[in-house]
Each structure stands twice: as structure tokens, then as C-alpha cells.
Amino acid sequence: MEMNCTIQIYNSSQINRAIRDCELIFVGSNGEELYSVRGEDKETMHKYGGGFKCDEIEVINIEPFTSKNIKLVVYIHDIDAMYKTKMVYL
């Protein structure tokens, strides 16, 4: 299953911030981690062979006192875990 989302991140500090190892964590009703997956940058989508591919997000740099919209595409392979999900964390 393909899931597209936009996440807005704000840097409230006076220095540049870098976010690495960005992944979505799907959590069940008991607080247990059901599934985690790294997001891919939807802005880098390119066609290959018979489909599309996006580049993996390595680092997100955010300047001081600014916000940034990150467009993600995530591919979910465990559909059962998706149905049990109550919360998603970044």
C-alpha cells in the first residue's frame, strides 16, 4: 500500500537543525510499536522501468525560525499492522 503525507516541521531555535534517520513509527493501542518505515521524498519521484521511485530522505535541514513542508511517500507491506495502528510518530 502506498501512503502519501505532508509533514510540517518548525525550527524554533537560533541555529540550523538537521533531522536524520526520519521514519514513521506505527503504534498500537497498548503503546507497542507495530511497524516502522523510512519515508521517501515525494519531490524526487522519477519514472523507471514500469513504475516510479522516490529517493530516500537522508537529511532534512531546517533554517532558524522557519518551517518546512516535507512531502513523504511511504510503502506499507504489513496491512494487518496498519489496521491495528492507533497513532503514528515521526
PDB file of N, CA and C in Angstrom:
ATOM      1  N   MET A   1       0.848  -1.159   0.000  1.00  0.00           N
ATOM      2  CA  MET A   1       0.000   0.000   0.000  1.00  0.00           C
ATOM      3  C   MET A   1       0.903   1.235   0.000  1.00  0.00           C
ATOM      4  N   GLU A   2       0.541   2.221  -0.783  1.00  0.00           N
ATOM      5  CA  GLU A   2       1.282   3.477  -0.828  1.00  0.00           C
ATOM      6  C   GLU A   2       0.520   4.533  -0.032  1.00  0.00           C
ATOM      7  N   MET A   3       1.236   5.249   0.835  1.00  0.00           N
ATOM      8  CA  MET A   3       0.627   6.304   1.633  1.00  0.00           C
ATOM      9  C   MET A   3       1.406   7.595   1.393  1.00  0.00           C
ATOM     10  N   ASN A   4       0.689   8.657   1.039  1.00  0.00           N
ATOM     11  CA  ASN A   4       1.294   9.972   0.828  1.00  0.00           C
ATOM     12  C   ASN A   4       0.879  10.892   1.964  1.00  0.00           C
ATOM     13  N   CYS A   5       1.833  11.671   2.473  1.00  0.00           N
ATOM     14  CA  CYS A   5       1.511  12.623   3.524  1.00  0.00           C
ATOM     15  C   CYS A   5       2.462  13.805   3.457  1.00  0.00           C
ATOM     16  N   THR A   6       2.032  14.896   4.061  1.00  0.00           N
ATOM     17  CA  THR A   6       2.868  16.087   4.173  1.00  0.00           C
ATOM     18  C   THR A   6       3.042  16.378   5.653  1.00  0.00           C
ATOM     19  N   ILE A   7       4.288  16.553   6.053  1.00  0.00           N
ATOM     20  CA  ILE A   7       4.617  16.843   7.447  1.00  0.00           C
ATOM     21  C   ILE A   7       5.243  18.230   7.496  1.00  0.00           C
ATOM     22  N   GLN A   8       4.756  19.052   8.415  1.00  0.00           N
ATOM     23  CA  GLN A   8       5.319  20.387   8.587  1.00  0.00           C
ATOM     24  C   GLN A   8       6.197  20.375   9.835  1.00  0.00           C
ATOM     25  N   ILE A   9       7.457  20.796   9.654  1.00  0.00           N
ATOM     26  CA  ILE A   9       8.417  20.831  10.744  1.00  0.00           C
ATOM     27  C   ILE A   9       8.851  22.273  10.958  1.00  0.00           C
ATOM     28  N   TYR A  10       8.892  22.707  12.216  1.00  0.00           N
ATOM     29  CA  TYR A  10       9.285  24.083  12.554  1.00  0.00           C
ATOM     30  C   TYR A  10      10.538  24.067  13.424  1.00  0.00           C
ATOM     31  N   ASN A  11      11.494  24.907  13.094  1.00  0.00           N
ATOM     32  CA  ASN A  11      12.715  25.053  13.884  1.00  0.00           C
ATOM     33  C   ASN A  11      12.605  26.341  14.693  1.00  0.00           C
ATOM     34  N   SER A  12      12.420  26.208  15.994  1.00  0.00           N
ATOM     35  CA  SER A  12      12.251  27.382  16.850  1.00  0.00           C
ATOM     36  C   SER A  12      13.571  27.865  17.453  1.00  0.00           C
ATOM     37  N   SER A  13      14.667  27.227  17.096  1.00  0.00           N
ATOM     38  CA  SER A  13      15.957  27.625  17.660  1.00  0.00           C
ATOM     39  C   SER A  13      16.638  28.688  16.790  1.00  0.00           C
ATOM     40  N   GLN A  14      17.763  29.182  17.274  1.00  0.00           N
ATOM     41  CA  GLN A  14      18.517  30.219  16.563  1.00  0.00           C
ATOM     42  C   GLN A  14      19.604  29.652  15.655  1.00  0.00           C
ATOM     43  N   ILE A  15      19.696  28.342  15.579  1.00  0.00           N
ATOM     44  CA  ILE A  15      20.704  27.711  14.725  1.00  0.00           C
ATOM     45  C   ILE A  15      20.034  26.722  13.774  1.00  0.00           C
ATOM     46  N   ASN A  16      20.740  26.384  12.695  1.00  0.00           N
ATOM     47  CA  ASN A  16      20.233  25.388  11.763  1.00  0.00           C
ATOM     48  C   ASN A  16      20.095  24.042  12.468  1.00  0.00           C
ATOM     49  N   ARG A  17      19.082  23.291  12.091  1.00  0.00           N
ATOM     50  CA  ARG A  17      18.863  21.953  12.642  1.00  0.00           C
ATOM     51  C   ARG A  17      18.836  20.949  11.500  1.00  0.00           C
ATOM     52  N   ALA A  18      19.392  19.783  11.760  1.00  0.00           N
ATOM     53  CA  ALA A  18      19.375  18.694  10.783  1.00  0.00           C
ATOM     54  C   ALA A  18      18.642  17.511  11.407  1.00  0.00           C
ATOM     55  N   ILE A  19      17.716  16.955  10.667  1.00  0.00           N
ATOM     56  CA  ILE A  19      16.981  15.777  11.115  1.00  0.00           C
ATOM     57  C   ILE A  19      17.445  14.605  10.255  1.00  0.00           C
ATOM     58  N   ARG A  20      17.925  13.564  10.925  1.00  0.00           N
ATOM     59  CA  ARG A  20      18.422  12.372  10.235  1.00  0.00           C
ATOM     60  C   ARG A  20      17.601  11.159  10.649  1.00  0.00           C
ATOM     61  N   ASP A  21      17.707  10.093   9.864  1.00  0.00           N
ATOM     62  CA  ASP A  21      17.025   8.828  10.168  1.00  0.00           C
ATOM     63  C   ASP A  21      15.535   9.036  10.388  1.00  0.00           C
ATOM     64  N   CYS A  22      14.914   9.730   9.458  1.00  0.00           N
ATOM     65  CA  CYS A  22      13.496  10.059   9.546  1.00  0.00           C
ATOM     66  C   CYS A  22      12.659   8.824   9.182  1.00  0.00           C
ATOM     67  N   GLU A  23      11.864   8.367  10.138  1.00  0.00           N
ATOM     68  CA  GLU A  23      10.985   7.242   9.861  1.00  0.00           C
ATOM     69  C   GLU A  23       9.656   7.425  10.585  1.00  0.00           C
ATOM     70  N   LEU A  24       8.637   6.814  10.037  1.00  0.00           N
ATOM     71  CA  LEU A  24       7.326   6.820  10.673  1.00  0.00           C
ATOM     72  C   LEU A  24       7.196   5.553  11.507  1.00  0.00           C
ATOM     73  N   ILE A  25       6.700   5.718  12.741  1.00  0.00           N
ATOM     74  CA  ILE A  25       6.525   4.583  13.639  1.00  0.00           C
ATOM     75  C   ILE A  25       5.040   4.436  13.929  1.00  0.00           C
ATOM     76  N   PHE A  26       4.495   3.288  13.610  1.00  0.00           N
ATOM     77  CA  PHE A  26       3.082   2.998  13.803  1.00  0.00           C
ATOM     78  C   PHE A  26       2.932   2.263  15.136  1.00  0.00           C
ATOM     79  N   VAL A  27       2.062   2.797  16.011  1.00  0.00           N
ATOM     80  CA  VAL A  27       1.928   2.306  17.379  1.00  0.00           C
ATOM     81  C   VAL A  27       0.500   1.814  17.616  1.00  0.00           C
ATOM     82  N   GLY A  28       0.383   0.692  18.307  1.00  0.00           N
ATOM     83  CA  GLY A  28      -0.917   0.111  18.620  1.00  0.00           C
ATOM     84  C   GLY A  28      -1.539   0.711  19.869  1.00  0.00           C
ATOM     85  N   SER A  29      -2.688   0.206  20.264  1.00  0.00           N
ATOM     86  CA  SER A  29      -3.440   0.757  21.391  1.00  0.00           C
ATOM     87  C   SER A  29      -2.728   0.560  22.741  1.00  0.00           C
ATOM     88  N   ASN A  30      -1.855  -0.423  22.853  1.00  0.00           N
ATOM     89  CA  ASN A  30      -1.113  -0.662  24.096  1.00  0.00           C
ATOM     90  C   ASN A  30       0.214   0.084  24.140  1.00  0.00           C
ATOM     91  N   GLY A  31       0.484   0.906  23.126  1.00  0.00           N
ATOM     92  CA  GLY A  31       1.734   1.654  23.077  1.00  0.00           C
ATOM     93  C   GLY A  31       2.882   0.888  22.457  1.00  0.00           C
ATOM     94  N   GLU A  32       2.620  -0.312  21.950  1.00  0.00           N
ATOM     95  CA  GLU A  32       3.671  -1.120  21.363  1.00  0.00           C
ATOM     96  C   GLU A  32       3.913  -0.709  19.902  1.00  0.00           C
ATOM     97  N   GLU A  33       5.161  -0.759  19.487  1.00  0.00           N
ATOM     98  CA  GLU A  33       5.498  -0.443  18.097  1.00  0.00           C
ATOM     99  C   GLU A  33       5.091  -1.619  17.221  1.00  0.00           C
ATOM    100  N   LEU A  34       4.248  -1.329  16.230  1.00  0.00           N
ATOM    101  CA  LEU A  34       3.785  -2.368  15.321  1.00  0.00           C
ATOM    102  C   LEU A  34       4.630  -2.446  14.055  1.00  0.00           C
ATOM    103  N   TYR A  35       5.081  -1.287  13.612  1.00  0.00           N
ATOM    104  CA  TYR A  35       5.706  -1.223  12.297  1.00  0.00           C
ATOM    105  C   TYR A  35       6.458   0.093  12.199  1.00  0.00           C
ATOM    106  N   SER A  36       7.593   0.095  11.566  1.00  0.00           N
ATOM    107  CA  SER A  36       8.286   1.351  11.280  1.00  0.00           C
ATOM    108  C   SER A  36       8.797   1.310   9.845  1.00  0.00           C
ATOM    109  N   VAL A  37       8.804   2.464   9.219  1.00  0.00           N
ATOM    110  CA  VAL A  37       9.212   2.534   7.821  1.00  0.00           C
ATOM    111  C   VAL A  37       9.827   3.906   7.552  1.00  0.00           C
ATOM    112  N   ARG A  38      10.865   3.936   6.744  1.00  0.00           N
ATOM    113  CA  ARG A  38      11.500   5.196   6.358  1.00  0.00           C
ATOM    114  C   ARG A  38      10.694   5.822   5.228  1.00  0.00           C
ATOM    115  N   GLY A  39      10.506   7.132   5.328  1.00  0.00           N
ATOM    116  CA  GLY A  39       9.797   7.853   4.284  1.00  0.00           C
ATOM    117  C   GLY A  39      10.710   8.159   3.104  1.00  0.00           C
ATOM    118  N   GLU A  40      10.116   8.311   1.955  1.00  0.00           N
ATOM    119  CA  GLU A  40      10.843   8.698   0.750  1.00  0.00           C
ATOM    120  C   GLU A  40      10.353  10.070   0.315  1.00  0.00           C
ATOM    121  N   ASP A  41      11.228  10.846  -0.287  1.00  0.00           N
ATOM    122  CA  ASP A  41      10.946  12.221  -0.684  1.00  0.00           C
ATOM    123  C   ASP A  41      10.113  12.248  -1.964  1.00  0.00           C
ATOM    124  N   LYS A  42       8.850  12.617  -1.837  1.00  0.00           N
ATOM    125  CA  LYS A  42       7.946  12.624  -2.990  1.00  0.00           C
ATOM    126  C   LYS A  42       8.386  13.620  -4.063  1.00  0.00           C
ATOM    127  N   GLU A  43       9.107  14.676  -3.655  1.00  0.00           N
ATOM    128  CA  GLU A  43       9.580  15.691  -4.611  1.00  0.00           C
ATOM    129  C   GLU A  43      10.607  15.123  -5.592  1.00  0.00           C
ATOM    130  N   THR A  44      11.215  13.990  -5.262  1.00  0.00           N
ATOM    131  CA  THR A  44      12.245  13.411  -6.133  1.00  0.00           C
ATOM    132  C   THR A  44      11.724  12.243  -6.970  1.00  0.00           C
ATOM    133  N   MET A  45      10.418  12.111  -7.080  1.00  0.00           N
ATOM    134  CA  MET A  45       9.832  10.980  -7.805  1.00  0.00           C
ATOM    135  C   MET A  45      10.291  10.976  -9.263  1.00  0.00           C
ATOM    136  N   HIS A  46      10.773   9.825  -9.712  1.00  0.00           N
ATOM    137  CA  HIS A  46      11.168   9.680 -11.109  1.00  0.00           C
ATOM    138  C   HIS A  46      10.707   8.312 -11.610  1.00  0.00           C
ATOM    139  N   LYS A  47      10.508   8.252 -12.909  1.00  0.00           N
ATOM    140  CA  LYS A  47       9.987   7.047 -13.543  1.00  0.00           C
ATOM    141  C   LYS A  47      11.147   6.113 -13.892  1.00  0.00           C
ATOM    142  N   TYR A  48      10.934   4.848 -13.701  1.00  0.00           N
ATOM    143  CA  TYR A  48      11.914   3.852 -14.118  1.00  0.00           C
ATOM    144  C   TYR A  48      11.174   2.589 -14.527  1.00  0.00           C
ATOM    145  N   GLY A  49      11.689   1.856 -15.468  1.00  0.00           N
ATOM    146  CA  GLY A  49      11.093   0.594 -15.899  1.00  0.00           C
ATOM    147  C   GLY A  49       9.594   0.688 -16.060  1.00  0.00           C
ATOM    148  N   GLY A  50       8.858   0.006 -15.191  1.00  0.00           N
ATOM    149  CA  GLY A  50       7.408   0.020 -15.249  1.00  0.00           C
ATOM    150  C   GLY A  50       6.761   0.739 -14.091  1.00  0.00           C
ATOM    151  N   GLY A  51       7.514   1.573 -13.369  1.00  0.00           N
ATOM    152  CA  GLY A  51       6.917   2.227 -12.213  1.00  0.00           C
ATOM    153  C   GLY A  51       7.601   3.531 -11.852  1.00  0.00           C
ATOM    154  N   PHE A  52       7.431   3.918 -10.602  1.00  0.00           N
ATOM    155  CA  PHE A  52       8.008   5.154 -10.092  1.00  0.00           C
ATOM    156  C   PHE A  52       8.848   4.854  -8.863  1.00  0.00           C
ATOM    157  N   LYS A  53       9.827   5.688  -8.611  1.00  0.00           N
ATOM    158  CA  LYS A  53      10.698   5.542  -7.453  1.00  0.00           C
ATOM    159  C   LYS A  53      11.030   6.920  -6.907  1.00  0.00           C
ATOM    160  N   CYS A  54      11.089   7.035  -5.585  1.00  0.00           N
ATOM    161  CA  CYS A  54      11.491   8.277  -4.922  1.00  0.00           C
ATOM    162  C   CYS A  54      12.798   8.029  -4.182  1.00  0.00           C
ATOM    163  N   ASP A  55      13.569   9.090  -4.000  1.00  0.00           N
ATOM    164  CA  ASP A  55      14.810   8.976  -3.241  1.00  0.00           C
ATOM    165  C   ASP A  55      14.503   8.907  -1.750  1.00  0.00           C
ATOM    166  N   GLU A  56      15.309   8.152  -1.027  1.00  0.00           N
ATOM    167  CA  GLU A  56      15.158   8.068   0.425  1.00  0.00           C
ATOM    168  C   GLU A  56      15.590   9.389   1.053  1.00  0.00           C
ATOM    169  N   ILE A  57      14.926   9.779   2.114  1.00  0.00           N
ATOM    170  CA  ILE A  57      15.286  11.017   2.807  1.00  0.00           C
ATOM    171  C   ILE A  57      16.479  10.729   3.706  1.00  0.00           C
ATOM    172  N   GLU A  58      17.586  11.387   3.417  1.00  0.00           N
ATOM    173  CA  GLU A  58      18.805  11.215   4.209  1.00  0.00           C
ATOM    174  C   GLU A  58      18.840  12.229   5.361  1.00  0.00           C
ATOM    175  N   VAL A  59      18.757  13.523   5.004  1.00  0.00           N
ATOM    176  CA  VAL A  59      18.849  14.606   5.983  1.00  0.00           C
ATOM    177  C   VAL A  59      17.852  15.695   5.612  1.00  0.00           C
ATOM    178  N   ILE A  60      17.177  16.243   6.618  1.00  0.00           N
ATOM    179  CA  ILE A  60      16.304  17.405   6.414  1.00  0.00           C
ATOM    180  C   ILE A  60      16.946  18.565   7.168  1.00  0.00           C
ATOM    181  N   ASN A  61      17.366  19.594   6.432  1.00  0.00           N
ATOM    182  CA  ASN A  61      17.973  20.780   7.041  1.00  0.00           C
ATOM    183  C   ASN A  61      16.915  21.870   7.167  1.00  0.00           C
ATOM    184  N   ILE A  62      16.817  22.451   8.364  1.00  0.00           N
ATOM    185  CA  ILE A  62      15.825  23.495   8.605  1.00  0.00           C
ATOM    186  C   ILE A  62      16.538  24.709   9.186  1.00  0.00           C
ATOM    187  N   GLU A  63      16.354  25.846   8.542  1.00  0.00           N
ATOM    188  CA  GLU A  63      16.982  27.087   8.999  1.00  0.00           C
ATOM    189  C   GLU A  63      16.280  27.615  10.245  1.00  0.00           C
ATOM    190  N   PRO A  64      16.951  28.505  11.002  1.00  0.00           N
ATOM    191  CA  PRO A  64      16.363  29.039  12.233  1.00  0.00           C
ATOM    192  C   PRO A  64      15.028  29.756  11.993  1.00  0.00           C
ATOM    193  N   PHE A  65      14.094  29.540  12.894  1.00  0.00           N
ATOM    194  CA  PHE A  65      12.790  30.212  12.901  1.00  0.00           C
ATOM    195  C   PHE A  65      12.024  30.069  11.587  1.00  0.00           C
ATOM    196  N   THR A  66      12.161  28.925  10.949  1.00  0.00           N
ATOM    197  CA  THR A  66      11.417  28.660   9.720  1.00  0.00           C
ATOM    198  C   THR A  66      10.737  27.302   9.819  1.00  0.00           C
ATOM    199  N   SER A  67       9.733  27.120   8.993  1.00  0.00           N
ATOM    200  CA  SER A  67       9.079  25.824   8.906  1.00  0.00           C
ATOM    201  C   SER A  67       9.300  25.275   7.503  1.00  0.00           C
ATOM    202  N   LYS A  68       9.172  23.972   7.406  1.00  0.00           N
ATOM    203  CA  LYS A  68       9.393  23.307   6.125  1.00  0.00           C
ATOM    204  C   LYS A  68       8.340  22.225   5.964  1.00  0.00           C
ATOM    205  N   ASN A  69       7.728  22.170   4.794  1.00  0.00           N
ATOM    206  CA  ASN A  69       6.785  21.112   4.470  1.00  0.00           C
ATOM    207  C   ASN A  69       7.538  19.992   3.763  1.00  0.00           C
ATOM    208  N   ILE A  70       7.446  18.803   4.306  1.00  0.00           N
ATOM    209  CA  ILE A  70       8.101  17.634   3.742  1.00  0.00           C
ATOM    210  C   ILE A  70       7.020  16.721   3.173  1.00  0.00           C
ATOM    211  N   LYS A  71       7.090  16.468   1.870  1.00  0.00           N
ATOM    212  CA  LYS A  71       6.131  15.560   1.232  1.00  0.00           C
ATOM    213  C   LYS A  71       6.744  14.172   1.190  1.00  0.00           C
ATOM    214  N   LEU A  72       6.092  13.252   1.892  1.00  0.00           N
ATOM    215  CA  LEU A  72       6.585  11.885   2.007  1.00  0.00           C
ATOM    216  C   LEU A  72       5.709  10.913   1.240  1.00  0.00           C
ATOM    217  N   VAL A  73       6.336   9.876   0.766  1.00  0.00           N
ATOM    218  CA  VAL A  73       5.606   8.705   0.285  1.00  0.00           C
ATOM    219  C   VAL A  73       6.170   7.525   1.066  1.00  0.00           C
ATOM    220  N   VAL A  74       5.263   6.701   1.584  1.00  0.00           N
ATOM    221  CA  VAL A  74       5.646   5.555   2.403  1.00  0.00           C
ATOM    222  C   VAL A  74       4.971   4.326   1.818  1.00  0.00           C
ATOM    223  N   TYR A  75       5.720   3.243   1.709  1.00  0.00           N
ATOM    224  CA  TYR A  75       5.175   1.985   1.198  1.00  0.00           C
ATOM    225  C   TYR A  75       5.002   1.020   2.366  1.00  0.00           C
ATOM    226  N   ILE A  76       3.759   0.624   2.612  1.00  0.00           N
ATOM    227  CA  ILE A  76       3.408  -0.249   3.722  1.00  0.00           C
ATOM    228  C   ILE A  76       3.185  -1.662   3.185  1.00  0.00           C
ATOM    229  N   HIS A  77       3.883  -2.630   3.789  1.00  0.00           N
ATOM    230  CA  HIS A  77       3.752  -4.014   3.342  1.00  0.00           C
ATOM    231  C   HIS A  77       2.988  -4.875   4.338  1.00  0.00           C
ATOM    232  N   ASP A  78       2.837  -4.397   5.567  1.00  0.00           N
ATOM    233  CA  ASP A  78       2.133  -5.140   6.602  1.00  0.00           C
ATOM    234  C   ASP A  78       0.759  -4.499   6.835  1.00  0.00           C
ATOM    235  N   ILE A  79      -0.208  -4.900   6.045  1.00  0.00           N
ATOM    236  CA  ILE A  79      -1.550  -4.313   6.094  1.00  0.00           C
ATOM    237  C   ILE A  79      -2.229  -4.591   7.436  1.00  0.00           C
ATOM    238  N   ASP A  80      -2.011  -5.762   8.019  1.00  0.00           N
ATOM    239  CA  ASP A  80      -2.621  -6.092   9.312  1.00  0.00           C
ATOM    240  C   ASP A  80      -2.172  -5.113  10.397  1.00  0.00           C
ATOM    241  N   ALA A  81      -0.903  -4.750  10.384  1.00  0.00           N
ATOM    242  CA  ALA A  81      -0.389  -3.781  11.369  1.00  0.00           C
ATOM    243  C   ALA A  81      -1.037  -2.416  11.168  1.00  0.00           C
ATOM    244  N   MET A  82      -1.321  -2.060   9.931  1.00  0.00           N
ATOM    245  CA  MET A  82      -1.976  -0.777   9.655  1.00  0.00           C
ATOM    246  C   MET A  82      -3.354  -0.707  10.299  1.00  0.00           C
ATOM    247  N   TYR A  83      -4.103  -1.795  10.236  1.00  0.00           N
ATOM    248  CA  TYR A  83      -5.444  -1.816  10.826  1.00  0.00           C
ATOM    249  C   TYR A  83      -5.401  -1.735  12.350  1.00  0.00           C
ATOM    250  N   LYS A  84      -4.312  -2.183  12.962  1.00  0.00           N
ATOM    251  CA  LYS A  84      -4.168  -2.153  14.417  1.00  0.00           C
ATOM    252  C   LYS A  84      -3.574  -0.831  14.920  1.00  0.00           C
ATOM    253  N   THR A  85      -3.142   0.030  14.007  1.00  0.00           N
ATOM    254  CA  THR A  85      -2.476   1.279  14.374  1.00  0.00           C
ATOM    255  C   THR A  85      -3.437   2.281  14.998  1.00  0.00           C
ATOM    256  N   LYS A  86      -3.028   2.871  16.121  1.00  0.00           N
ATOM    257  CA  LYS A  86      -3.797   3.915  16.785  1.00  0.00           C
ATOM    258  C   LYS A  86      -3.124   5.278  16.675  1.00  0.00           C
ATOM    259  N   MET A  87      -1.771   5.300  16.589  1.00  0.00           N
ATOM    260  CA  MET A  87      -1.020   6.547  16.492  1.00  0.00           C
ATOM    261  C   MET A  87       0.178   6.325  15.559  1.00  0.00           C
ATOM    262  N   VAL A  88       0.626   7.438  14.949  1.00  0.00           N
ATOM    263  CA  VAL A  88       1.826   7.415  14.106  1.00  0.00           C
ATOM    264  C   VAL A  88       2.753   8.525  14.583  1.00  0.00           C
ATOM    265  N   TYR A  89       4.021   8.189  14.812  1.00  0.00           N
ATOM    266  CA  TYR A  89       5.025   9.156  15.251  1.00  0.00           C
ATOM    267  C   TYR A  89       6.100   9.305  14.193  1.00  0.00           C
ATOM    268  N   LEU A  90       6.725  10.465  14.186  1.00  0.00           N
ATOM    269  CA  LEU A  90       7.843  10.722  13.280  1.00  0.00           C
ATOM    270  C   LEU A  90       9.116  10.612  14.068  1.00  0.00           C
TER     271      LEU A  90
END
